[in-house]
Amino acid sequence: MFWKRKGKKKDGDDAGSTTATAEIDRAEAADTEETAEGTKGATTVSDDAIERVETAGALSFEGQEFETVSNTWIVPADDEGVIVVDPAHDAKAILTAVGEREIYLVACTNGYNTHIGAAIEVADRDEAPIALHPREMRSWRRVHGIERKPDWEVEGGGSVQVGELEIDILAVPGTSSGTVAYYIPRLGVVFSGDTLLDGRLGTVGEGYVDFTTQLASVGETLLSLPPDTRVLPDTGPETTVGQQAENFDSWVAGD
C-alpha cells in the first residue's frame, strides 16, 4: 500500500500526525491500471454493506462506571479494506468482524473509553492510523497513557479520503469539547457518536455535559444534512436525520 497524507504538520508532532486533511492512496496495480472503460478494479461501495458490532462494557466517567452496550461500525472503503468507527470494548470481536480485510483507518468520535477502548489493538493489526480531535488527548491518556498517541488530528471542516470514500469531519461539541461526527456523502451516512441517538440527545453517564452546546451541534450541523441521511450512533439503533428533526423542538423546550 502507498500512503499519501496531506496537511500541515505541527512542530513536535509525530511523523504520522496531520491536521484537517489526510489522504490515503492505494497504488495496487489492479486499482490503477487504466482501460478504455475506465479504471480497472474499480468497485462500488454501498451503505448497506456497513456492519455494526455491539460489545458490552462500562463507560468510565468522573470516577464512576456505567454499564453500556456500544456500537462499533465497520465501513467498507473499497473491495479490500475498511474503516473502523469507534472501536469500543472488545478488540477480538471487532477484528473477527473485519476478517481478512485491511483496516485503513480507525476513526474515533471522541476520547471516552466507549469510543477508543480497543483503538490501539484494532489499529495495530494493520498499522492503521487512528484519528481523534486534539482536544480529546486528556481523555485518550486516561485510557491509553502517553506512549501511544493518535496519528491524525481531525477537526471540523476537514476531510479524509480513504479508499473510495471521502469523509467530512463535522465538529459537534457537547458531550465533550472535541467530539466530531464523520459524514460520508457518497453513502448518505453520518456517524454521530454520542451526540445524537435515536429519539434523544446522547448523555455521558447519567446526564449531559454541555446540553446547550450539544443542542446547537445537533440543530445547526447534524440536522442540516439531507433528511434521508442515516444516523449511526455509538449506542442503540440507527435512525435518520429526518426522523430526529421531528424531535428537535421538544428538545429545545426541554420536554
C-alpha atoms as a PDB file:
ATOM      1  CA  MET A   1       0.000   0.000   0.000  1.00  0.00           C
ATOM      2  CA  PHE A   2       1.155   3.525  -0.821  1.00  0.00           C
ATOM      3  CA  TRP A   3       0.242   6.186   1.726  1.00  0.00           C
ATOM      4  CA  LYS A   4      -0.135   9.839   0.862  1.00  0.00           C
ATOM      5  CA  ARG A   5      -1.087  12.268   3.596  1.00  0.00           C
ATOM      6  CA  LYS A   6      -1.926  15.914   3.089  1.00  0.00           C
ATOM      7  CA  GLY A   7      -1.999  18.539   5.803  1.00  0.00           C
ATOM      8  CA  LYS A   8       0.236  20.918   7.686  1.00  0.00           C
ATOM      9  CA  LYS A   9       2.189  19.193  10.434  1.00  0.00           C
ATOM     10  CA  LYS A  10       2.608  20.952  13.747  1.00  0.00           C
ATOM     11  CA  ASP A  11       6.015  21.375  15.350  1.00  0.00           C
ATOM     12  CA  GLY A  12       6.741  18.428  17.593  1.00  0.00           C
ATOM     13  CA  ASP A  13       4.091  16.174  16.048  1.00  0.00           C
ATOM     14  CA  ASP A  14       4.957  12.617  15.172  1.00  0.00           C
ATOM     15  CA  ALA A  15       5.718  11.908  11.540  1.00  0.00           C
ATOM     16  CA  GLY A  16       2.257  10.433  11.073  1.00  0.00           C
ATOM     17  CA  SER A  17       0.313  13.373  12.537  1.00  0.00           C
ATOM     18  CA  THR A  18      -1.790  15.630  10.358  1.00  0.00           C
ATOM     19  CA  THR A  19      -4.265  18.435  10.853  1.00  0.00           C
ATOM     20  CA  ALA A  20      -7.522  18.953   8.992  1.00  0.00           C
ATOM     21  CA  THR A  21      -6.977  16.792   5.920  1.00  0.00           C
ATOM     22  CA  ALA A  22      -5.426  13.432   5.219  1.00  0.00           C
ATOM     23  CA  GLU A  23      -5.448  11.195   2.180  1.00  0.00           C
ATOM     24  CA  ILE A  24      -4.740   7.525   1.718  1.00  0.00           C
ATOM     25  CA  ASP A  25      -3.966   6.433  -1.835  1.00  0.00           C
ATOM     26  CA  ARG A  26      -3.892   2.812  -2.819  1.00  0.00           C
ATOM     27  CA  ALA A  27      -1.368   2.096  -5.536  1.00  0.00           C
ATOM     28  CA  GLU A  28      -2.106  -1.551  -6.185  1.00  0.00           C
ATOM     29  CA  ALA A  29      -1.697  -2.330  -9.875  1.00  0.00           C
ATOM     30  CA  ALA A  30      -5.255  -3.623 -10.123  1.00  0.00           C
ATOM     31  CA  ASP A  31      -6.577  -0.296  -8.841  1.00  0.00           C
ATOM     32  CA  THR A  32      -4.546   1.994 -11.060  1.00  0.00           C
ATOM     33  CA  GLU A  33      -4.329   0.322 -14.467  1.00  0.00           C
ATOM     34  CA  GLU A  34      -6.395   2.347 -16.932  1.00  0.00           C
ATOM     35  CA  THR A  35      -8.581   0.699 -19.553  1.00  0.00           C
ATOM     36  CA  ALA A  36     -10.779   2.071 -22.298  1.00  0.00           C
ATOM     37  CA  GLU A  37     -13.780   1.735 -19.982  1.00  0.00           C
ATOM     38  CA  GLY A  38     -12.133   3.412 -17.002  1.00  0.00           C
ATOM     39  CA  THR A  39     -10.114   2.285 -14.019  1.00  0.00           C
ATOM     40  CA  LYS A  40      -9.598  -1.457 -13.801  1.00  0.00           C
ATOM     41  CA  GLY A  41     -10.631  -2.955 -10.493  1.00  0.00           C
ATOM     42  CA  ALA A  42     -12.966  -0.103  -9.509  1.00  0.00           C
ATOM     43  CA  THR A  43     -15.700  -1.131  -7.082  1.00  0.00           C
ATOM     44  CA  THR A  44     -18.992   0.237  -5.889  1.00  0.00           C
ATOM     45  CA  VAL A  45     -19.278   0.762  -2.139  1.00  0.00           C
ATOM     46  CA  SER A  46     -22.810   0.843  -0.729  1.00  0.00           C
ATOM     47  CA  ASP A  47     -24.313   1.882   2.576  1.00  0.00           C
ATOM     48  CA  ASP A  48     -25.979  -1.492   3.117  1.00  0.00           C
ATOM     49  CA  ALA A  49     -22.532  -3.084   3.470  1.00  0.00           C
ATOM     50  CA  ILE A  50     -21.844  -1.202   6.722  1.00  0.00           C
ATOM     51  CA  GLU A  51     -21.685  -3.593   9.676  1.00  0.00           C
ATOM     52  CA  ARG A  52     -22.431  -2.980  13.345  1.00  0.00           C
ATOM     53  CA  VAL A  53     -20.523  -4.790  16.099  1.00  0.00           C
ATOM     54  CA  GLU A  54     -22.131  -4.494  19.541  1.00  0.00           C
ATOM     55  CA  THR A  55     -19.900  -5.033  22.563  1.00  0.00           C
ATOM     56  CA  ALA A  56     -20.754  -4.741  26.252  1.00  0.00           C
ATOM     57  CA  GLY A  57     -18.649  -2.849  28.747  1.00  0.00           C
ATOM     58  CA  ALA A  58     -18.619   0.128  31.067  1.00  0.00           C
ATOM     59  CA  LEU A  59     -18.292   3.844  30.394  1.00  0.00           C
ATOM     60  CA  SER A  60     -15.734   5.379  32.760  1.00  0.00           C
ATOM     61  CA  PHE A  61     -16.615   8.973  33.635  1.00  0.00           C
ATOM     62  CA  GLU A  62     -15.594  11.120  36.593  1.00  0.00           C
ATOM     63  CA  GLY A  63     -14.597   8.147  38.697  1.00  0.00           C
ATOM     64  CA  GLN A  64     -17.801   6.222  38.055  1.00  0.00           C
ATOM     65  CA  GLU A  65     -18.634   3.374  35.720  1.00  0.00           C
ATOM     66  CA  PHE A  66     -21.879   2.941  33.799  1.00  0.00           C
ATOM     67  CA  GLU A  67     -22.742  -0.323  32.085  1.00  0.00           C
ATOM     68  CA  THR A  68     -23.378   0.101  28.377  1.00  0.00           C
ATOM     69  CA  VAL A  69     -23.571  -1.678  25.047  1.00  0.00           C
ATOM     70  CA  SER A  70     -21.569   0.178  22.425  1.00  0.00           C
ATOM     71  CA  ASN A  71     -21.721   0.204  18.635  1.00  0.00           C
ATOM     72  CA  THR A  72     -18.592  -0.115  16.537  1.00  0.00           C
ATOM     73  CA  TRP A  73     -19.167   0.476  12.830  1.00  0.00           C
ATOM     74  CA  ILE A  74     -17.203  -1.260  10.069  1.00  0.00           C
ATOM     75  CA  VAL A  75     -17.379   0.613   6.777  1.00  0.00           C
ATOM     76  CA  PRO A  76     -16.080  -0.934   3.530  1.00  0.00           C
ATOM     77  CA  ALA A  77     -13.920   1.690   1.821  1.00  0.00           C
ATOM     78  CA  ASP A  78     -13.305  -0.422  -1.272  1.00  0.00           C
ATOM     79  CA  ASP A  79     -13.220  -4.137  -2.075  1.00  0.00           C
ATOM     80  CA  GLU A  80     -10.127  -4.748   0.076  1.00  0.00           C
ATOM     81  CA  GLY A  81     -10.286  -2.559   3.160  1.00  0.00           C
ATOM     82  CA  VAL A  82     -12.436  -0.933   5.810  1.00  0.00           C
ATOM     83  CA  ILE A  83     -12.753   1.999   8.173  1.00  0.00           C
ATOM     84  CA  VAL A  84     -13.481   1.160  11.801  1.00  0.00           C
ATOM     85  CA  VAL A  85     -15.505   3.813  13.661  1.00  0.00           C
ATOM     86  CA  ASP A  86     -15.442   3.969  17.473  1.00  0.00           C
ATOM     87  CA  PRO A  87     -13.785   0.665  18.451  1.00  0.00           C
ATOM     88  CA  ALA A  88     -15.194   0.102  21.914  1.00  0.00           C
ATOM     89  CA  HIS A  89     -14.683  -2.706  24.407  1.00  0.00           C
ATOM     90  CA  ASP A  90     -13.750  -5.897  22.589  1.00  0.00           C
ATOM     91  CA  ALA A  91     -10.957  -5.790  20.006  1.00  0.00           C
ATOM     92  CA  LYS A  92     -11.265  -9.507  19.282  1.00  0.00           C
ATOM     93  CA  ALA A  93     -14.935  -9.224  18.316  1.00  0.00           C
ATOM     94  CA  ILE A  94     -14.207  -6.224  16.113  1.00  0.00           C
ATOM     95  CA  LEU A  95     -11.275  -7.894  14.365  1.00  0.00           C
ATOM     96  CA  THR A  96     -13.323 -11.033  13.820  1.00  0.00           C
ATOM     97  CA  ALA A  97     -15.954  -8.936  12.025  1.00  0.00           C
ATOM     98  CA  VAL A  98     -13.275  -7.220   9.930  1.00  0.00           C
ATOM     99  CA  GLY A  99     -11.884 -10.602   8.917  1.00  0.00           C
ATOM    100  CA  GLU A 100      -9.177 -10.647   6.266  1.00  0.00           C
ATOM    101  CA  ARG A 101      -9.956  -7.159   5.021  1.00  0.00           C
ATOM    102  CA  GLU A 102      -7.356  -4.500   5.675  1.00  0.00           C
ATOM    103  CA  ILE A 103      -8.051  -1.773   8.227  1.00  0.00           C
ATOM    104  CA  TYR A 104      -7.300   1.559   6.555  1.00  0.00           C
ATOM    105  CA  LEU A 105      -8.357   3.902   9.360  1.00  0.00           C
ATOM    106  CA  VAL A 106      -9.642   3.846  12.929  1.00  0.00           C
ATOM    107  CA  ALA A 107     -11.901   6.901  13.350  1.00  0.00           C
ATOM    108  CA  CYS A 108     -12.906   7.951  16.877  1.00  0.00           C
ATOM    109  CA  THR A 109     -15.696  10.443  17.534  1.00  0.00           C
ATOM    110  CA  ASN A 110     -14.294  11.440  20.950  1.00  0.00           C
ATOM    111  CA  GLY A 111     -11.961  10.242  23.682  1.00  0.00           C
ATOM    112  CA  TYR A 112     -14.298   8.421  26.069  1.00  0.00           C
ATOM    113  CA  ASN A 113     -13.310   4.800  26.551  1.00  0.00           C
ATOM    114  CA  THR A 114     -16.503   3.640  24.825  1.00  0.00           C
ATOM    115  CA  HIS A 115     -15.077   5.129  21.616  1.00  0.00           C
ATOM    116  CA  ILE A 116     -11.371   4.363  21.915  1.00  0.00           C
ATOM    117  CA  GLY A 117     -11.016   1.397  24.267  1.00  0.00           C
ATOM    118  CA  ALA A 118      -9.974  -1.063  21.552  1.00  0.00           C
ATOM    119  CA  ALA A 119      -8.474   1.530  19.179  1.00  0.00           C
ATOM    120  CA  ILE A 120      -4.817   0.616  19.579  1.00  0.00           C
ATOM    121  CA  GLU A 121      -5.241  -3.145  19.302  1.00  0.00           C
ATOM    122  CA  VAL A 122      -7.517  -2.783  16.283  1.00  0.00           C
ATOM    123  CA  ALA A 123      -5.295  -0.244  14.531  1.00  0.00           C
ATOM    124  CA  ASP A 124      -2.030  -2.031  15.212  1.00  0.00           C
ATOM    125  CA  ARG A 125      -3.077  -5.200  13.410  1.00  0.00           C
ATOM    126  CA  ASP A 126      -2.598  -3.461  10.053  1.00  0.00           C
ATOM    127  CA  GLU A 127      -0.613  -0.418  11.219  1.00  0.00           C
ATOM    128  CA  ALA A 128      -3.629   1.762  10.502  1.00  0.00           C
ATOM    129  CA  PRO A 129      -3.735   5.403  11.652  1.00  0.00           C
ATOM    130  CA  ILE A 130      -6.028   6.470  14.482  1.00  0.00           C
ATOM    131  CA  ALA A 131      -7.975   9.726  14.043  1.00  0.00           C
ATOM    132  CA  LEU A 132      -9.057  11.853  17.025  1.00  0.00           C
ATOM    133  CA  HIS A 133      -9.679  15.519  17.771  1.00  0.00           C
ATOM    134  CA  PRO A 134      -6.681  17.092  19.587  1.00  0.00           C
ATOM    135  CA  ARG A 135      -8.922  18.310  22.427  1.00  0.00           C
ATOM    136  CA  GLU A 136      -9.562  14.679  23.328  1.00  0.00           C
ATOM    137  CA  MET A 137      -5.955  13.912  24.258  1.00  0.00           C
ATOM    138  CA  ARG A 138      -6.580  14.168  28.002  1.00  0.00           C
ATOM    139  CA  SER A 139      -9.303  11.531  27.747  1.00  0.00           C
ATOM    140  CA  TRP A 140      -7.079   9.439  25.485  1.00  0.00           C
ATOM    141  CA  ARG A 141      -4.268   9.449  28.043  1.00  0.00           C
ATOM    142  CA  ARG A 142      -6.622   8.279  30.784  1.00  0.00           C
ATOM    143  CA  VAL A 143      -7.294   5.152  28.745  1.00  0.00           C
ATOM    144  CA  HIS A 144      -4.044   4.530  26.869  1.00  0.00           C
ATOM    145  CA  GLY A 145      -1.359   6.529  28.661  1.00  0.00           C
ATOM    146  CA  ILE A 146       1.232   8.646  26.896  1.00  0.00           C
ATOM    147  CA  GLU A 147       3.332   6.145  24.985  1.00  0.00           C
ATOM    148  CA  ARG A 148       0.957   5.658  22.034  1.00  0.00           C
ATOM    149  CA  LYS A 149      -0.808   8.691  20.580  1.00  0.00           C
ATOM    150  CA  PRO A 150      -3.401   9.035  17.816  1.00  0.00           C
ATOM    151  CA  ASP A 151      -1.837   9.541  14.398  1.00  0.00           C
ATOM    152  CA  TRP A 152      -4.173  12.113  12.861  1.00  0.00           C
ATOM    153  CA  GLU A 153      -5.683  15.215  14.406  1.00  0.00           C
ATOM    154  CA  VAL A 154      -9.135  15.759  12.917  1.00  0.00           C
ATOM    155  CA  GLU A 155     -11.199  18.877  13.379  1.00  0.00           C
ATOM    156  CA  GLY A 156     -14.431  20.273  11.997  1.00  0.00           C
ATOM    157  CA  GLY A 157     -14.180  21.405   8.397  1.00  0.00           C
ATOM    158  CA  GLY A 158     -11.539  18.882   7.401  1.00  0.00           C
ATOM    159  CA  SER A 159     -11.918  15.776   5.296  1.00  0.00           C
ATOM    160  CA  VAL A 160     -10.280  12.390   4.930  1.00  0.00           C
ATOM    161  CA  GLN A 161     -10.086  10.388   1.697  1.00  0.00           C
ATOM    162  CA  VAL A 162      -9.939   6.669   2.456  1.00  0.00           C
ATOM    163  CA  GLY A 163     -10.125   4.159  -0.346  1.00  0.00           C
ATOM    164  CA  GLU A 164     -13.085   5.205  -2.497  1.00  0.00           C
ATOM    165  CA  LEU A 165     -14.704   7.301   0.218  1.00  0.00           C
ATOM    166  CA  GLU A 166     -14.390  10.946   1.160  1.00  0.00           C
ATOM    167  CA  ILE A 167     -15.277  11.552   4.792  1.00  0.00           C
ATOM    168  CA  ASP A 168     -16.228  15.014   6.043  1.00  0.00           C
ATOM    169  CA  ILE A 169     -15.306  15.852   9.637  1.00  0.00           C
ATOM    170  CA  LEU A 170     -18.089  17.697  11.468  1.00  0.00           C
ATOM    171  CA  ALA A 171     -17.453  19.456  14.765  1.00  0.00           C
ATOM    172  CA  VAL A 172     -20.270  18.530  17.161  1.00  0.00           C
ATOM    173  CA  PRO A 173     -19.096  19.534  20.658  1.00  0.00           C
ATOM    174  CA  GLY A 174     -21.350  18.976  23.638  1.00  0.00           C
ATOM    175  CA  THR A 175     -20.648  15.593  25.169  1.00  0.00           C
ATOM    176  CA  SER A 176     -17.017  16.735  25.056  1.00  0.00           C
ATOM    177  CA  SER A 177     -15.297  19.762  23.551  1.00  0.00           C
ATOM    178  CA  GLY A 178     -13.600  17.693  20.853  1.00  0.00           C
ATOM    179  CA  THR A 179     -16.457  15.478  19.736  1.00  0.00           C
ATOM    180  CA  VAL A 180     -16.701  15.063  15.965  1.00  0.00           C
ATOM    181  CA  ALA A 181     -19.039  13.244  13.604  1.00  0.00           C
ATOM    182  CA  TYR A 182     -17.951  11.520  10.391  1.00  0.00           C
ATOM    183  CA  TYR A 183     -20.190  12.193   7.392  1.00  0.00           C
ATOM    184  CA  ILE A 184     -19.844  10.193   4.171  1.00  0.00           C
ATOM    185  CA  PRO A 185     -21.946  11.917   1.496  1.00  0.00           C
ATOM    186  CA  ARG A 186     -21.476   9.112  -1.026  1.00  0.00           C
ATOM    187  CA  LEU A 187     -23.104   6.624   1.334  1.00  0.00           C
ATOM    188  CA  GLY A 188     -25.592   9.040   2.897  1.00  0.00           C
ATOM    189  CA  VAL A 189     -24.492   8.188   6.448  1.00  0.00           C
ATOM    190  CA  VAL A 190     -23.216  10.116   9.433  1.00  0.00           C
ATOM    191  CA  PHE A 191     -21.532   8.522  12.436  1.00  0.00           C
ATOM    192  CA  SER A 192     -22.847  10.671  15.249  1.00  0.00           C
ATOM    193  CA  GLY A 193     -21.015   9.141  18.213  1.00  0.00           C
ATOM    194  CA  ASP A 194     -22.781  10.039  21.460  1.00  0.00           C
ATOM    195  CA  THR A 195     -24.057  13.394  20.171  1.00  0.00           C
ATOM    196  CA  LEU A 196     -27.321  12.227  18.599  1.00  0.00           C
ATOM    197  CA  LEU A 197     -29.082   8.922  19.296  1.00  0.00           C
ATOM    198  CA  ASP A 198     -32.418   7.500  18.224  1.00  0.00           C
ATOM    199  CA  GLY A 199     -35.045   9.701  19.831  1.00  0.00           C
ATOM    200  CA  ARG A 200     -32.776  11.637  22.152  1.00  0.00           C
ATOM    201  CA  LEU A 201     -29.556  13.523  22.635  1.00  0.00           C
ATOM    202  CA  GLY A 202     -26.762  11.355  23.958  1.00  0.00           C
ATOM    203  CA  THR A 203     -25.754  11.607  27.597  1.00  0.00           C
ATOM    204  CA  VAL A 204     -22.471  10.821  29.333  1.00  0.00           C
ATOM    205  CA  GLY A 205     -23.080   8.670  32.349  1.00  0.00           C
ATOM    206  CA  GLU A 206     -26.331   9.882  33.875  1.00  0.00           C
ATOM    207  CA  GLY A 207     -26.531  13.363  32.419  1.00  0.00           C
ATOM    208  CA  TYR A 208     -25.495  15.997  29.908  1.00  0.00           C
ATOM    209  CA  VAL A 209     -22.052  17.620  29.893  1.00  0.00           C
ATOM    210  CA  ASP A 210     -22.994  20.765  27.937  1.00  0.00           C
ATOM    211  CA  PHE A 211     -26.617  20.478  26.832  1.00  0.00           C
ATOM    212  CA  THR A 212     -26.813  23.900  25.165  1.00  0.00           C
ATOM    213  CA  THR A 213     -23.714  23.317  23.044  1.00  0.00           C
ATOM    214  CA  GLN A 214     -24.809  19.798  22.175  1.00  0.00           C
ATOM    215  CA  LEU A 215     -28.251  21.012  21.158  1.00  0.00           C
ATOM    216  CA  ALA A 216     -26.636  23.607  18.876  1.00  0.00           C
ATOM    217  CA  SER A 217     -24.373  20.959  17.350  1.00  0.00           C
ATOM    218  CA  VAL A 218     -27.378  18.811  16.534  1.00  0.00           C
ATOM    219  CA  GLY A 219     -29.594  21.601  15.240  1.00  0.00           C
ATOM    220  CA  GLU A 220     -27.004  23.528  13.262  1.00  0.00           C
ATOM    221  CA  THR A 221     -24.822  20.710  11.992  1.00  0.00           C
ATOM    222  CA  LEU A 222     -26.342  17.232  12.061  1.00  0.00           C
ATOM    223  CA  LEU A 223     -29.913  18.202  11.244  1.00  0.00           C
ATOM    224  CA  SER A 224     -28.684  20.328   8.326  1.00  0.00           C
ATOM    225  CA  LEU A 225     -27.737  17.137   6.478  1.00  0.00           C
ATOM    226  CA  PRO A 226     -30.212  15.656   3.953  1.00  0.00           C
ATOM    227  CA  PRO A 227     -33.277  14.226   5.739  1.00  0.00           C
ATOM    228  CA  ASP A 228     -32.696  10.681   4.479  1.00  0.00           C
ATOM    229  CA  THR A 229     -29.147  10.589   5.895  1.00  0.00           C
ATOM    230  CA  ARG A 230     -28.712   7.524   8.109  1.00  0.00           C
ATOM    231  CA  VAL A 231     -27.582   8.427  11.630  1.00  0.00           C
ATOM    232  CA  LEU A 232     -25.353   5.676  13.059  1.00  0.00           C
ATOM    233  CA  PRO A 233     -24.741   6.401  16.786  1.00  0.00           C
ATOM    234  CA  ASP A 234     -22.393   4.927  19.371  1.00  0.00           C
ATOM    235  CA  THR A 235     -25.189   3.031  21.089  1.00  0.00           C
ATOM    236  CA  GLY A 236     -28.696   1.883  20.241  1.00  0.00           C
ATOM    237  CA  PRO A 237     -30.412   1.580  16.858  1.00  0.00           C
ATOM    238  CA  GLU A 238     -29.801   3.709  13.819  1.00  0.00           C
ATOM    239  CA  THR A 239     -32.158   6.471  12.768  1.00  0.00           C
ATOM    240  CA  THR A 240     -32.306   9.237  10.145  1.00  0.00           C
ATOM    241  CA  VAL A 241     -31.839  12.986  10.144  1.00  0.00           C
ATOM    242  CA  GLY A 242     -35.459  13.461   9.102  1.00  0.00           C
ATOM    243  CA  GLN A 243     -36.799  11.353  11.956  1.00  0.00           C
ATOM    244  CA  GLN A 244     -34.758  13.231  14.557  1.00  0.00           C
ATOM    245  CA  ALA A 245     -35.633  16.647  13.116  1.00  0.00           C
ATOM    246  CA  GLU A 246     -39.200  15.954  14.263  1.00  0.00           C
ATOM    247  CA  ASN A 247     -37.945  15.759  17.867  1.00  0.00           C
ATOM    248  CA  PHE A 248     -35.848  18.909  17.866  1.00  0.00           C
ATOM    249  CA  ASP A 249     -38.464  21.399  19.050  1.00  0.00           C
ATOM    250  CA  SER A 250     -39.291  19.220  22.052  1.00  0.00           C
ATOM    251  CA  TRP A 251     -35.602  19.046  22.963  1.00  0.00           C
ATOM    252  CA  VAL A 252     -35.331  22.832  22.775  1.00  0.00           C
ATOM    253  CA  ALA A 253     -38.379  23.101  25.035  1.00  0.00           C
ATOM    254  CA  GLY A 254     -36.806  20.657  27.463  1.00  0.00           C
ATOM    255  CA  ASP A 255     -39.509  18.017  27.079  1.00  0.00           C
END
